[in-house]
Amino acid sequence: VESGGGLVQPGGSLRLSCAASGTLFSIYVLGWYRRAPGKQRELVAT
C-alpha cells in the first residue's frame, strides 16, 4: 500500500511510503516505478 502522493510545485519535495503485509519482507528486492500519462511504466529506483 503506497501513500504520500499529492500535488507539489516544481522544485518541491515529497516522500512516498509503501507498507507491506506478509512475511519474509527482508529478502525481497523492492522497487519504485512510475507511469506517466501516455507512457509505459518505467523503473525509478530499486
PDB file of all heavy atoms in Angstrom:
ATOM      1  N   VAL A   1       0.851  -1.192   0.000  1.00  0.00           N
ATOM      2  CA  VAL A   1       0.000   0.000   0.000  1.00  0.00           C
ATOM      3  C   VAL A   1       0.883   1.236   0.000  1.00  0.00           C
ATOM      4  O   VAL A   1       1.628   1.470   0.957  1.00  0.00           O
ATOM      5  CB  VAL A   1      -0.944   0.024   1.210  1.00  0.00           C
ATOM      6  CG1 VAL A   1      -1.801   1.294   1.171  1.00  0.00           C
ATOM      7  CG2 VAL A   1      -1.828  -1.216   1.229  1.00  0.00           C
ATOM      8  N   GLU A   2       0.775   2.013  -1.089  1.00  0.00           N
ATOM      9  CA  GLU A   2       1.559   3.247  -1.186  1.00  0.00           C
ATOM     10  C   GLU A   2       0.795   4.419  -0.575  1.00  0.00           C
ATOM     11  O   GLU A   2      -0.440   4.420  -0.548  1.00  0.00           O
ATOM     12  CB  GLU A   2       1.866   3.591  -2.653  1.00  0.00           C
ATOM     13  CG  GLU A   2       2.639   2.555  -3.424  1.00  0.00           C
ATOM     14  CD  GLU A   2       1.743   1.662  -4.249  1.00  0.00           C
ATOM     15  OE1 GLU A   2       0.548   1.539  -3.901  1.00  0.00           O
ATOM     16  OE2 GLU A   2       2.215   1.095  -5.241  1.00  0.00           O
ATOM     17  N   SER A   3       1.556   5.413  -0.140  1.00  0.00           N
ATOM     18  CA  SER A   3       0.965   6.649   0.363  1.00  0.00           C
ATOM     19  C   SER A   3       1.978   7.776   0.187  1.00  0.00           C
ATOM     20  O   SER A   3       3.158   7.521  -0.082  1.00  0.00           O
ATOM     21  CB  SER A   3       0.571   6.519   1.838  1.00  0.00           C
ATOM     22  OG  SER A   3       1.709   6.241   2.630  1.00  0.00           O
ATOM     23  N   GLY A   4       1.488   9.001   0.341  1.00  0.00           N
ATOM     24  CA  GLY A   4       2.387  10.153   0.310  1.00  0.00           C
ATOM     25  C   GLY A   4       2.358  10.963  -0.969  1.00  0.00           C
ATOM     26  O   GLY A   4       3.028  11.986  -1.075  1.00  0.00           O
ATOM     27  N   GLY A   5       1.583  10.518  -1.961  1.00  0.00           N
ATOM     28  CA  GLY A   5       1.490  11.273  -3.186  1.00  0.00           C
ATOM     29  C   GLY A   5       0.695  12.556  -2.998  1.00  0.00           C
ATOM     30  O   GLY A   5       0.098  12.788  -1.940  1.00  0.00           O
ATOM     31  N   GLY A   6       0.687  13.383  -4.035  1.00  0.00           N
ATOM     32  CA  GLY A   6      -0.073  14.619  -3.960  1.00  0.00           C
ATOM     33  C   GLY A   6       0.380  15.614  -5.008  1.00  0.00           C
ATOM     34  O   GLY A   6       1.100  15.265  -5.949  1.00  0.00           O
ATOM     35  N   LEU A   7      -0.050  16.850  -4.810  1.00  0.00           N
ATOM     36  CA  LEU A   7       0.285  17.952  -5.709  1.00  0.00           C
ATOM     37  C   LEU A   7       1.404  18.780  -5.078  1.00  0.00           C
ATOM     38  O   LEU A   7       1.307  19.162  -3.898  1.00  0.00           O
ATOM     39  CB  LEU A   7      -0.942  18.819  -5.949  1.00  0.00           C
ATOM     40  CG  LEU A   7      -0.734  20.115  -6.739  1.00  0.00           C
ATOM     41  CD1 LEU A   7      -0.297  19.808  -8.164  1.00  0.00           C
ATOM     42  CD2 LEU A   7      -2.015  20.939  -6.717  1.00  0.00           C
ATOM     43  N   VAL A   8       2.446  19.044  -5.852  1.00  0.00           N
ATOM     44  CA  VAL A   8       3.578  19.822  -5.347  1.00  0.00           C
ATOM     45  C   VAL A   8       4.064  20.738  -6.461  1.00  0.00           C
ATOM     46  O   VAL A   8       3.946  20.402  -7.645  1.00  0.00           O
ATOM     47  CB  VAL A   8       4.694  18.879  -4.848  1.00  0.00           C
ATOM     48  CG1 VAL A   8       5.249  18.031  -5.971  1.00  0.00           C
ATOM     49  CG2 VAL A   8       5.798  19.648  -4.144  1.00  0.00           C
ATOM     50  N   GLN A   9       4.601  21.869  -6.068  1.00  0.00           N
ATOM     51  CA  GLN A   9       5.140  22.802  -7.051  1.00  0.00           C
ATOM     52  C   GLN A   9       6.510  22.349  -7.538  1.00  0.00           C
ATOM     53  O   GLN A   9       7.229  21.643  -6.816  1.00  0.00           O
ATOM     54  CB  GLN A   9       5.246  24.202  -6.442  1.00  0.00           C
ATOM     55  CG  GLN A   9       3.908  24.849  -6.143  1.00  0.00           C
ATOM     56  CD  GLN A   9       4.060  26.292  -5.686  1.00  0.00           C
ATOM     57  OE1 GLN A   9       5.124  26.719  -5.255  1.00  0.00           O
ATOM     58  NE2 GLN A   9       2.972  27.042  -5.775  1.00  0.00           N
ATOM     59  N   PRO A  10       6.883  22.751  -8.736  1.00  0.00           N
ATOM     60  CA  PRO A  10       8.239  22.443  -9.213  1.00  0.00           C
ATOM     61  C   PRO A  10       9.287  22.915  -8.218  1.00  0.00           C
ATOM     62  O   PRO A  10       9.183  24.004  -7.653  1.00  0.00           O
ATOM     63  CB  PRO A  10       8.325  23.215 -10.526  1.00  0.00           C
ATOM     64  CG  PRO A  10       6.910  23.292 -11.007  1.00  0.00           C
ATOM     65  CD  PRO A  10       6.086  23.450  -9.752  1.00  0.00           C
ATOM     66  N   GLY A  11      10.291  22.055  -8.003  1.00  0.00           N
ATOM     67  CA  GLY A  11      11.323  22.339  -7.014  1.00  0.00           C
ATOM     68  C   GLY A  11      11.001  21.832  -5.628  1.00  0.00           C
ATOM     69  O   GLY A  11      11.871  21.850  -4.748  1.00  0.00           O
ATOM     70  N   GLY A  12       9.781  21.378  -5.434  1.00  0.00           N
ATOM     71  CA  GLY A  12       9.360  20.892  -4.126  1.00  0.00           C
ATOM     72  C   GLY A  12       9.766  19.459  -3.871  1.00  0.00           C
ATOM     73  O   GLY A  12      10.456  18.828  -4.689  1.00  0.00           O
ATOM     74  N   SER A  13       9.328  18.951  -2.721  1.00  0.00           N
ATOM     75  CA  SER A  13       9.691  17.598  -2.294  1.00  0.00           C
ATOM     76  C   SER A  13       8.459  16.827  -1.852  1.00  0.00           C
ATOM     77  O   SER A  13       7.472  17.413  -1.386  1.00  0.00           O
ATOM     78  CB  SER A  13      10.679  17.656  -1.119  1.00  0.00           C
ATOM     79  OG  SER A  13      11.885  18.288  -1.486  1.00  0.00           O
ATOM     80  N   LEU A  14       8.539  15.537  -1.994  1.00  0.00           N
ATOM     81  CA  LEU A  14       7.540  14.605  -1.466  1.00  0.00           C
ATOM     82  C   LEU A  14       8.264  13.356  -0.999  1.00  0.00           C
ATOM     83  O   LEU A  14       9.324  13.012  -1.532  1.00  0.00           O
ATOM     84  CB  LEU A  14       6.514  14.203  -2.528  1.00  0.00           C
ATOM     85  CG  LEU A  14       5.377  15.152  -2.871  1.00  0.00           C
ATOM     86  CD1 LEU A  14       4.554  14.582  -4.014  1.00  0.00           C
ATOM     87  CD2 LEU A  14       4.484  15.408  -1.660  1.00  0.00           C
ATOM     88  N   ARG A  15       7.652  12.681  -0.034  1.00  0.00           N
ATOM     89  CA  ARG A  15       8.185  11.397   0.417  1.00  0.00           C
ATOM     90  C   ARG A  15       7.087  10.364   0.277  1.00  0.00           C
ATOM     91  O   ARG A  15       6.035  10.459   0.916  1.00  0.00           O
ATOM     92  CB  ARG A  15       8.653  11.468   1.857  1.00  0.00           C
ATOM     93  CG  ARG A  15       9.362  10.195   2.336  1.00  0.00           C
ATOM     94  CD  ARG A  15       9.648  10.257   3.810  1.00  0.00           C
ATOM     95  NE  ARG A  15      10.568   9.194   4.235  1.00  0.00           N
ATOM     96  CZ  ARG A  15      10.427   8.509   5.362  1.00  0.00           C
ATOM     97  NH1 ARG A  15       9.413   8.770   6.165  1.00  0.00           N
ATOM     98  NH2 ARG A  15      11.306   7.583   5.695  1.00  0.00           N
ATOM     99  N   LEU A  16       7.336   9.371  -0.562  1.00  0.00           N
ATOM    100  CA  LEU A  16       6.400   8.272  -0.737  1.00  0.00           C
ATOM    101  C   LEU A  16       6.764   7.143   0.209  1.00  0.00           C
ATOM    102  O   LEU A  16       7.940   6.882   0.461  1.00  0.00           O
ATOM    103  CB  LEU A  16       6.430   7.761  -2.175  1.00  0.00           C
ATOM    104  CG  LEU A  16       6.163   8.779  -3.279  1.00  0.00           C
ATOM    105  CD1 LEU A  16       6.136   8.075  -4.634  1.00  0.00           C
ATOM    106  CD2 LEU A  16       4.871   9.524  -3.044  1.00  0.00           C
ATOM    107  N   SER A  17       5.728   6.483   0.710  1.00  0.00           N
ATOM    108  CA  SER A  17       5.912   5.324   1.573  1.00  0.00           C
ATOM    109  C   SER A  17       5.147   4.150   0.980  1.00  0.00           C
ATOM    110  O   SER A  17       4.133   4.322   0.328  1.00  0.00           O
ATOM    111  CB  SER A  17       5.386   5.605   2.985  1.00  0.00           C
ATOM    112  OG  SER A  17       6.065   6.675   3.589  1.00  0.00           O
ATOM    113  N   CYS A  18       5.666   2.973   1.235  1.00  0.00           N
ATOM    114  CA  CYS A  18       4.995   1.746   0.804  1.00  0.00           C
ATOM    115  C   CYS A  18       5.090   0.757   1.950  1.00  0.00           C
ATOM    116  O   CYS A  18       6.200   0.356   2.334  1.00  0.00           O
ATOM    117  CB  CYS A  18       5.642   1.197  -0.452  1.00  0.00           C
ATOM    118  SG  CYS A  18       4.941  -0.369  -1.018  1.00  0.00           S
ATOM    119  N   ALA A  19       3.941   0.398   2.495  1.00  0.00           N
ATOM    120  CA  ALA A  19       3.883  -0.537   3.606  1.00  0.00           C
ATOM    121  C   ALA A  19       3.455  -1.899   3.087  1.00  0.00           C
ATOM    122  O   ALA A  19       2.517  -2.011   2.292  1.00  0.00           O
ATOM    123  CB  ALA A  19       2.905  -0.041   4.656  1.00  0.00           C
ATOM    124  N   ALA A  20       4.132  -2.929   3.566  1.00  0.00           N
ATOM    125  CA  ALA A  20       3.876  -4.289   3.099  1.00  0.00           C
ATOM    126  C   ALA A  20       3.344  -5.162   4.218  1.00  0.00           C
ATOM    127  O   ALA A  20       3.788  -5.051   5.370  1.00  0.00           O
ATOM    128  CB  ALA A  20       5.152  -4.897   2.539  1.00  0.00           C
ATOM    129  N   SER A  21       2.415  -6.019   3.860  1.00  0.00           N
ATOM    130  CA  SER A  21       1.990  -7.064   4.772  1.00  0.00           C
ATOM    131  C   SER A  21       2.630  -8.366   4.316  1.00  0.00           C
ATOM    132  O   SER A  21       3.144  -8.461   3.210  1.00  0.00           O
ATOM    133  CB  SER A  21       0.461  -7.209   4.749  1.00  0.00           C
ATOM    134  OG  SER A  21       0.048  -7.621   3.461  1.00  0.00           O
ATOM    135  N   GLY A  22       2.600  -9.367   5.158  1.00  0.00           N
ATOM    136  CA  GLY A  22       3.193 -10.637   4.784  1.00  0.00           C
ATOM    137  C   GLY A  22       4.538 -10.850   5.439  1.00  0.00           C
ATOM    138  O   GLY A  22       5.054  -9.987   6.146  1.00  0.00           O
ATOM    139  N   THR A  23       5.098 -12.005   5.169  1.00  0.00           N
ATOM    140  CA  THR A  23       6.335 -12.388   5.829  1.00  0.00           C
ATOM    141  C   THR A  23       7.512 -12.316   4.860  1.00  0.00           C
ATOM    142  O   THR A  23       7.339 -12.124   3.661  1.00  0.00           O
ATOM    143  CB  THR A  23       6.234 -13.810   6.381  1.00  0.00           C
ATOM    144  OG1 THR A  23       5.952 -14.710   5.282  1.00  0.00           O
ATOM    145  CG2 THR A  23       5.113 -13.918   7.391  1.00  0.00           C
ATOM    146  N   LEU A  24       8.699 -12.478   5.404  1.00  0.00           N
ATOM    147  CA  LEU A  24       9.938 -12.540   4.614  1.00  0.00           C
ATOM    148  C   LEU A  24      10.188 -11.266   3.830  1.00  0.00           C
ATOM    149  O   LEU A  24      10.832 -11.293   2.783  1.00  0.00           O
ATOM    150  CB  LEU A  24       9.926 -13.746   3.654  1.00  0.00           C
ATOM    151  CG  LEU A  24       9.782 -15.119   4.308  1.00  0.00           C
ATOM    152  CD1 LEU A  24       9.706 -16.209   3.252  1.00  0.00           C
ATOM    153  CD2 LEU A  24      10.937 -15.382   5.261  1.00  0.00           C
ATOM    154  N   PHE A  25       9.692 -10.146   4.345  1.00  0.00           N
ATOM    155  CA  PHE A  25       9.861  -8.872   3.641  1.00  0.00           C
ATOM    156  C   PHE A  25      11.332  -8.582   3.368  1.00  0.00           C
ATOM    157  O   PHE A  25      11.681  -8.046   2.317  1.00  0.00           O
ATOM    158  CB  PHE A  25       9.256  -7.750   4.491  1.00  0.00           C
ATOM    159  CG  PHE A  25       9.410  -6.386   3.900  1.00  0.00           C
ATOM    160  CD1 PHE A  25       8.548  -5.937   2.921  1.00  0.00           C
ATOM    161  CD2 PHE A  25      10.418  -5.529   4.335  1.00  0.00           C
ATOM    162  CE1 PHE A  25       8.676  -4.667   2.376  1.00  0.00           C
ATOM    163  CE2 PHE A  25      10.562  -4.262   3.800  1.00  0.00           C
ATOM    164  CZ  PHE A  25       9.680  -3.833   2.818  1.00  0.00           C
ATOM    165  N   SER A  26      12.198  -8.923   4.304  1.00  0.00           N
ATOM    166  CA  SER A  26      13.601  -8.530   4.200  1.00  0.00           C
ATOM    167  C   SER A  26      14.323  -9.142   3.009  1.00  0.00           C
ATOM    168  O   SER A  26      15.363  -8.641   2.581  1.00  0.00           O
ATOM    169  CB  SER A  26      14.344  -8.880   5.495  1.00  0.00           C
ATOM    170  OG  SER A  26      14.341 -10.283   5.688  1.00  0.00           O
ATOM    171  N   ILE A  27      13.794 -10.225   2.451  1.00  0.00           N
ATOM    172  CA  ILE A  27      14.511 -10.880   1.354  1.00  0.00           C
ATOM    173  C   ILE A  27      14.127 -10.331  -0.016  1.00  0.00           C
ATOM    174  O   ILE A  27      14.749 -10.664  -1.014  1.00  0.00           O
ATOM    175  CB  ILE A  27      14.293 -12.401   1.362  1.00  0.00           C
ATOM    176  CG1 ILE A  27      12.863 -12.759   0.904  1.00  0.00           C
ATOM    177  CG2 ILE A  27      14.603 -12.993   2.725  1.00  0.00           C
ATOM    178  CD1 ILE A  27      12.667 -14.244   0.691  1.00  0.00           C
ATOM    179  N   TYR A  28      13.106  -9.486  -0.046  1.00  0.00           N
ATOM    180  CA  TYR A  28      12.622  -9.001  -1.330  1.00  0.00           C
ATOM    181  C   TYR A  28      13.472  -7.856  -1.867  1.00  0.00           C
ATOM    182  O   TYR A  28      13.949  -7.002  -1.104  1.00  0.00           O
ATOM    183  CB  TYR A  28      11.183  -8.516  -1.214  1.00  0.00           C
ATOM    184  CG  TYR A  28      10.169  -9.635  -1.121  1.00  0.00           C
ATOM    185  CD1 TYR A  28       9.845 -10.197   0.108  1.00  0.00           C
ATOM    186  CD2 TYR A  28       9.540 -10.119  -2.255  1.00  0.00           C
ATOM    187  CE1 TYR A  28       8.931 -11.221   0.196  1.00  0.00           C
ATOM    188  CE2 TYR A  28       8.606 -11.139  -2.175  1.00  0.00           C
ATOM    189  CZ  TYR A  28       8.305 -11.686  -0.944  1.00  0.00           C
ATOM    190  OH  TYR A  28       7.390 -12.695  -0.861  1.00  0.00           O
ATOM    191  N   VAL A  29      13.618  -7.828  -3.180  1.00  0.00           N
ATOM    192  CA  VAL A  29      14.106  -6.629  -3.843  1.00  0.00           C
ATOM    193  C   VAL A  29      12.908  -5.696  -3.976  1.00  0.00           C
ATOM    194  O   VAL A  29      11.841  -6.101  -4.459  1.00  0.00           O
ATOM    195  CB  VAL A  29      14.682  -6.935  -5.236  1.00  0.00           C
ATOM    196  CG1 VAL A  29      15.079  -5.641  -5.943  1.00  0.00           C
ATOM    197  CG2 VAL A  29      15.877  -7.869  -5.121  1.00  0.00           C
ATOM    198  N   LEU A  30      13.070  -4.476  -3.531  1.00  0.00           N
ATOM    199  CA  LEU A  30      11.979  -3.507  -3.544  1.00  0.00           C
ATOM    200  C   LEU A  30      12.248  -2.442  -4.592  1.00  0.00           C
ATOM    201  O   LEU A  30      13.406  -2.051  -4.808  1.00  0.00           O
ATOM    202  CB  LEU A  30      11.840  -2.865  -2.171  1.00  0.00           C
ATOM    203  CG  LEU A  30      11.668  -3.843  -1.014  1.00  0.00           C
ATOM    204  CD1 LEU A  30      11.725  -3.110   0.316  1.00  0.00           C
ATOM    205  CD2 LEU A  30      10.373  -4.619  -1.144  1.00  0.00           C
ATOM    206  N   GLY A  31      11.191  -1.998  -5.216  1.00  0.00           N
ATOM    207  CA  GLY A  31      11.390  -1.010  -6.255  1.00  0.00           C
ATOM    208  C   GLY A  31      10.264  -0.011  -6.341  1.00  0.00           C
ATOM    209  O   GLY A  31       9.148  -0.271  -5.875  1.00  0.00           O
ATOM    210  N   TRP A  32      10.574   1.125  -6.890  1.00  0.00           N
ATOM    211  CA  TRP A  32       9.591   2.145  -7.234  1.00  0.00           C
ATOM    212  C   TRP A  32       9.590   2.300  -8.752  1.00  0.00           C
ATOM    213  O   TRP A  32      10.664   2.397  -9.377  1.00  0.00           O
ATOM    214  CB  TRP A  32       9.925   3.477  -6.576  1.00  0.00           C
ATOM    215  CG  TRP A  32       9.672   3.505  -5.107  1.00  0.00           C
ATOM    216  CD1 TRP A  32      10.576   3.287  -4.109  1.00  0.00           C
ATOM    217  CD2 TRP A  32       8.416   3.745  -4.465  1.00  0.00           C
ATOM    218  NE1 TRP A  32       9.959   3.381  -2.882  1.00  0.00           N
ATOM    219  CE2 TRP A  32       8.640   3.675  -3.076  1.00  0.00           C
ATOM    220  CE3 TRP A  32       7.127   4.036  -4.912  1.00  0.00           C
ATOM    221  CZ2 TRP A  32       7.620   3.867  -2.128  1.00  0.00           C
ATOM    222  CZ3 TRP A  32       6.118   4.229  -3.984  1.00  0.00           C
ATOM    223  CH2 TRP A  32       6.363   4.144  -2.617  1.00  0.00           C
ATOM    224  N   TYR A  33       8.387   2.324  -9.309  1.00  0.00           N
ATOM    225  CA  TYR A  33       8.185   2.503 -10.734  1.00  0.00           C
ATOM    226  C   TYR A  33       7.166   3.618 -10.908  1.00  0.00           C
ATOM    227  O   TYR A  33       6.456   3.977  -9.962  1.00  0.00           O
ATOM    228  CB  TYR A  33       7.674   1.215 -11.375  1.00  0.00           C
ATOM    229  CG  TYR A  33       8.673   0.083 -11.357  1.00  0.00           C
ATOM    230  CD1 TYR A  33       8.973  -0.583 -10.174  1.00  0.00           C
ATOM    231  CD2 TYR A  33       9.323  -0.322 -12.522  1.00  0.00           C
ATOM    232  CE1 TYR A  33       9.901  -1.611 -10.153  1.00  0.00           C
ATOM    233  CE2 TYR A  33      10.242  -1.357 -12.505  1.00  0.00           C
ATOM    234  CZ  TYR A  33      10.526  -1.998 -11.315  1.00  0.00           C
ATOM    235  OH  TYR A  33      11.442  -3.014 -11.297  1.00  0.00           O
ATOM    236  N   ARG A  34       7.079   4.138 -12.107  1.00  0.00           N
ATOM    237  CA  ARG A  34       6.080   5.169 -12.364  1.00  0.00           C
ATOM    238  C   ARG A  34       5.559   5.045 -13.790  1.00  0.00           C
ATOM    239  O   ARG A  34       6.242   4.560 -14.672  1.00  0.00           O
ATOM    240  CB  ARG A  34       6.651   6.567 -12.134  1.00  0.00           C
ATOM    241  CG  ARG A  34       7.749   6.982 -13.104  1.00  0.00           C
ATOM    242  CD  ARG A  34       8.347   8.311 -12.681  1.00  0.00           C
ATOM    243  NE  ARG A  34       9.371   8.764 -13.607  1.00  0.00           N
ATOM    244  CZ  ARG A  34      10.155   9.823 -13.392  1.00  0.00           C
ATOM    245  NH1 ARG A  34      10.025  10.538 -12.271  1.00  0.00           N
ATOM    246  NH2 ARG A  34      11.060  10.169 -14.303  1.00  0.00           N
ATOM    247  N   ARG A  35       4.329   5.512 -13.953  1.00  0.00           N
ATOM    248  CA  ARG A  35       3.711   5.559 -15.276  1.00  0.00           C
ATOM    249  C   ARG A  35       3.137   6.945 -15.469  1.00  0.00           C
ATOM    250  O   ARG A  35       2.195   7.341 -14.765  1.00  0.00           O
ATOM    251  CB  ARG A  35       2.623   4.512 -15.437  1.00  0.00           C
ATOM    252  CG  ARG A  35       1.929   4.591 -16.803  1.00  0.00           C
ATOM    253  CD  ARG A  35       0.875   3.536 -16.949  1.00  0.00           C
ATOM    254  NE  ARG A  35       1.482   2.240 -17.232  1.00  0.00           N
ATOM    255  CZ  ARG A  35       1.024   1.098 -16.740  1.00  0.00           C
ATOM    256  NH1 ARG A  35       0.007   1.095 -15.918  1.00  0.00           N
ATOM    257  NH2 ARG A  35       1.613  -0.040 -17.056  1.00  0.00           N
ATOM    258  N   ALA A  36       3.723   7.665 -16.421  1.00  0.00           N
ATOM    259  CA  ALA A  36       3.229   8.992 -16.771  1.00  0.00           C
ATOM    260  C   ALA A  36       2.118   8.853 -17.799  1.00  0.00           C
ATOM    261  O   ALA A  36       2.046   7.837 -18.512  1.00  0.00           O
ATOM    262  CB  ALA A  36       4.373   9.834 -17.329  1.00  0.00           C
ATOM    263  N   PRO A  37       1.255   9.834 -17.906  1.00  0.00           N
ATOM    264  CA  PRO A  37       0.162   9.765 -18.889  1.00  0.00           C
ATOM    265  C   PRO A  37       0.692   9.513 -20.294  1.00  0.00           C
ATOM    266  O   PRO A  37       1.594  10.197 -20.760  1.00  0.00           O
ATOM    267  CB  PRO A  37      -0.488  11.144 -18.776  1.00  0.00           C
ATOM    268  CG  PRO A  37      -0.169  11.606 -17.398  1.00  0.00           C
ATOM    269  CD  PRO A  37       1.191  11.066 -17.091  1.00  0.00           C
ATOM    270  N   GLY A  38       0.133   8.499 -20.946  1.00  0.00           N
ATOM    271  CA  GLY A  38       0.512   8.190 -22.312  1.00  0.00           C
ATOM    272  C   GLY A  38       1.839   7.491 -22.477  1.00  0.00           C
ATOM    273  O   GLY A  38       2.296   7.294 -23.602  1.00  0.00           O
ATOM    274  N   LYS A  39       2.458   7.095 -21.359  1.00  0.00           N
ATOM    275  CA  LYS A  39       3.772   6.438 -21.430  1.00  0.00           C
ATOM    276  C   LYS A  39       3.724   5.082 -20.743  1.00  0.00           C
ATOM    277  O   LYS A  39       2.815   4.775 -19.982  1.00  0.00           O
ATOM    278  CB  LYS A  39       4.834   7.321 -20.787  1.00  0.00           C
ATOM    279  CG  LYS A  39       5.065   8.629 -21.501  1.00  0.00           C
ATOM    280  CD  LYS A  39       6.245   9.369 -20.898  1.00  0.00           C
ATOM    281  CE  LYS A  39       6.531  10.667 -21.648  1.00  0.00           C
ATOM    282  NZ  LYS A  39       7.697  11.396 -21.065  1.00  0.00           N
ATOM    283  N   GLN A  40       4.745   4.292 -21.026  1.00  0.00           N
ATOM    284  CA  GLN A  40       4.854   2.996 -20.376  1.00  0.00           C
ATOM    285  C   GLN A  40       5.413   3.164 -18.960  1.00  0.00           C
ATOM    286  O   GLN A  40       6.090   4.142 -18.654  1.00  0.00           O
ATOM    287  CB  GLN A  40       5.771   2.080 -21.193  1.00  0.00           C
ATOM    288  CG  GLN A  40       5.186   1.656 -22.528  1.00  0.00           C
ATOM    289  CD  GLN A  40       6.052   0.620 -23.220  1.00  0.00           C
ATOM    290  OE1 GLN A  40       7.257   0.576 -23.027  1.00  0.00           O
ATOM    291  NE2 GLN A  40       5.421  -0.222 -24.017  1.00  0.00           N
ATOM    292  N   ARG A  41       5.136   2.174 -18.136  1.00  0.00           N
ATOM    293  CA  ARG A  41       5.696   2.183 -16.790  1.00  0.00           C
ATOM    294  C   ARG A  41       7.208   2.064 -16.871  1.00  0.00           C
ATOM    295  O   ARG A  41       7.733   1.275 -17.664  1.00  0.00           O
ATOM    296  CB  ARG A  41       5.106   1.036 -15.987  1.00  0.00           C
ATOM    297  CG  ARG A  41       5.511   1.037 -14.526  1.00  0.00           C
ATOM    298  CD  ARG A  41       4.607   0.127 -13.716  1.00  0.00           C
ATOM    299  NE  ARG A  41       4.558  -1.224 -14.214  1.00  0.00           N
ATOM    300  CZ  ARG A  41       3.691  -2.136 -13.808  1.00  0.00           C
ATOM    301  NH1 ARG A  41       2.787  -1.811 -12.882  1.00  0.00           N
ATOM    302  NH2 ARG A  41       3.713  -3.355 -14.303  1.00  0.00           N
ATOM    303  N   GLU A  42       7.900   2.816 -16.040  1.00  0.00           N
ATOM    304  CA  GLU A  42       9.354   2.810 -16.064  1.00  0.00           C
ATOM    305  C   GLU A  42       9.910   2.678 -14.650  1.00  0.00           C
ATOM    306  O   GLU A  42       9.278   3.072 -13.670  1.00  0.00           O
ATOM    307  CB  GLU A  42       9.904   4.099 -16.694  1.00  0.00           C
ATOM    308  CG  GLU A  42       9.569   5.361 -15.933  1.00  0.00           C
ATOM    309  CD  GLU A  42      10.222   6.603 -16.517  1.00  0.00           C
ATOM    310  OE1 GLU A  42      10.965   6.503 -17.526  1.00  0.00           O
ATOM    311  OE2 GLU A  42      10.007   7.696 -15.971  1.00  0.00           O
ATOM    312  N   LEU A  43      11.105   2.126 -14.591  1.00  0.00           N
ATOM    313  CA  LEU A  43      11.796   1.983 -13.326  1.00  0.00           C
ATOM    314  C   LEU A  43      12.240   3.344 -12.811  1.00  0.00           C
ATOM    315  O   LEU A  43      12.750   4.177 -13.571  1.00  0.00           O
ATOM    316  CB  LEU A  43      13.023   1.085 -13.510  1.00  0.00           C
ATOM    317  CG  LEU A  43      14.002   1.011 -12.346  1.00  0.00           C
ATOM    318  CD1 LEU A  43      13.393   0.207 -11.223  1.00  0.00           C
ATOM    319  CD2 LEU A  43      15.318   0.405 -12.800  1.00  0.00           C
ATOM    320  N   VAL A  44      12.065   3.562 -11.511  1.00  0.00           N
ATOM    321  CA  VAL A  44      12.563   4.774 -10.871  1.00  0.00           C
ATOM    322  C   VAL A  44      13.774   4.445 -10.006  1.00  0.00           C
ATOM    323  O   VAL A  44      14.835   5.055 -10.140  1.00  0.00           O
ATOM    324  CB  VAL A  44      11.476   5.441 -10.019  1.00  0.00           C
ATOM    325  CG1 VAL A  44      12.030   6.655  -9.272  1.00  0.00           C
ATOM    326  CG2 VAL A  44      10.282   5.840 -10.889  1.00  0.00           C
ATOM    327  N   ALA A  45      13.610   3.460  -9.120  1.00  0.00           N
ATOM    328  CA  ALA A  45      14.692   3.096  -8.204  1.00  0.00           C
ATOM    329  C   ALA A  45      14.434   1.716  -7.634  1.00  0.00           C
ATOM    330  O   ALA A  45      13.274   1.301  -7.504  1.00  0.00           O
ATOM    331  CB  ALA A  45      14.801   4.108  -7.062  1.00  0.00           C
ATOM    332  N   THR A  46      15.507   1.012  -7.311  1.00  0.00           N
ATOM    333  CA  THR A  46      15.391  -0.271  -6.635  1.00  0.00           C
ATOM    334  C   THR A  46      16.360  -0.322  -5.463  1.00  0.00           C
ATOM    335  O   THR A  46      17.372   0.387  -5.438  1.00  0.00           O
ATOM    336  CB  THR A  46      15.690  -1.454  -7.569  1.00  0.00           C
ATOM    337  OG1 THR A  46      17.020  -1.324  -8.079  1.00  0.00           O
ATOM    338  CG2 THR A  46      14.707  -1.519  -8.720  1.00  0.00           C
TER     339      THR A  46
END
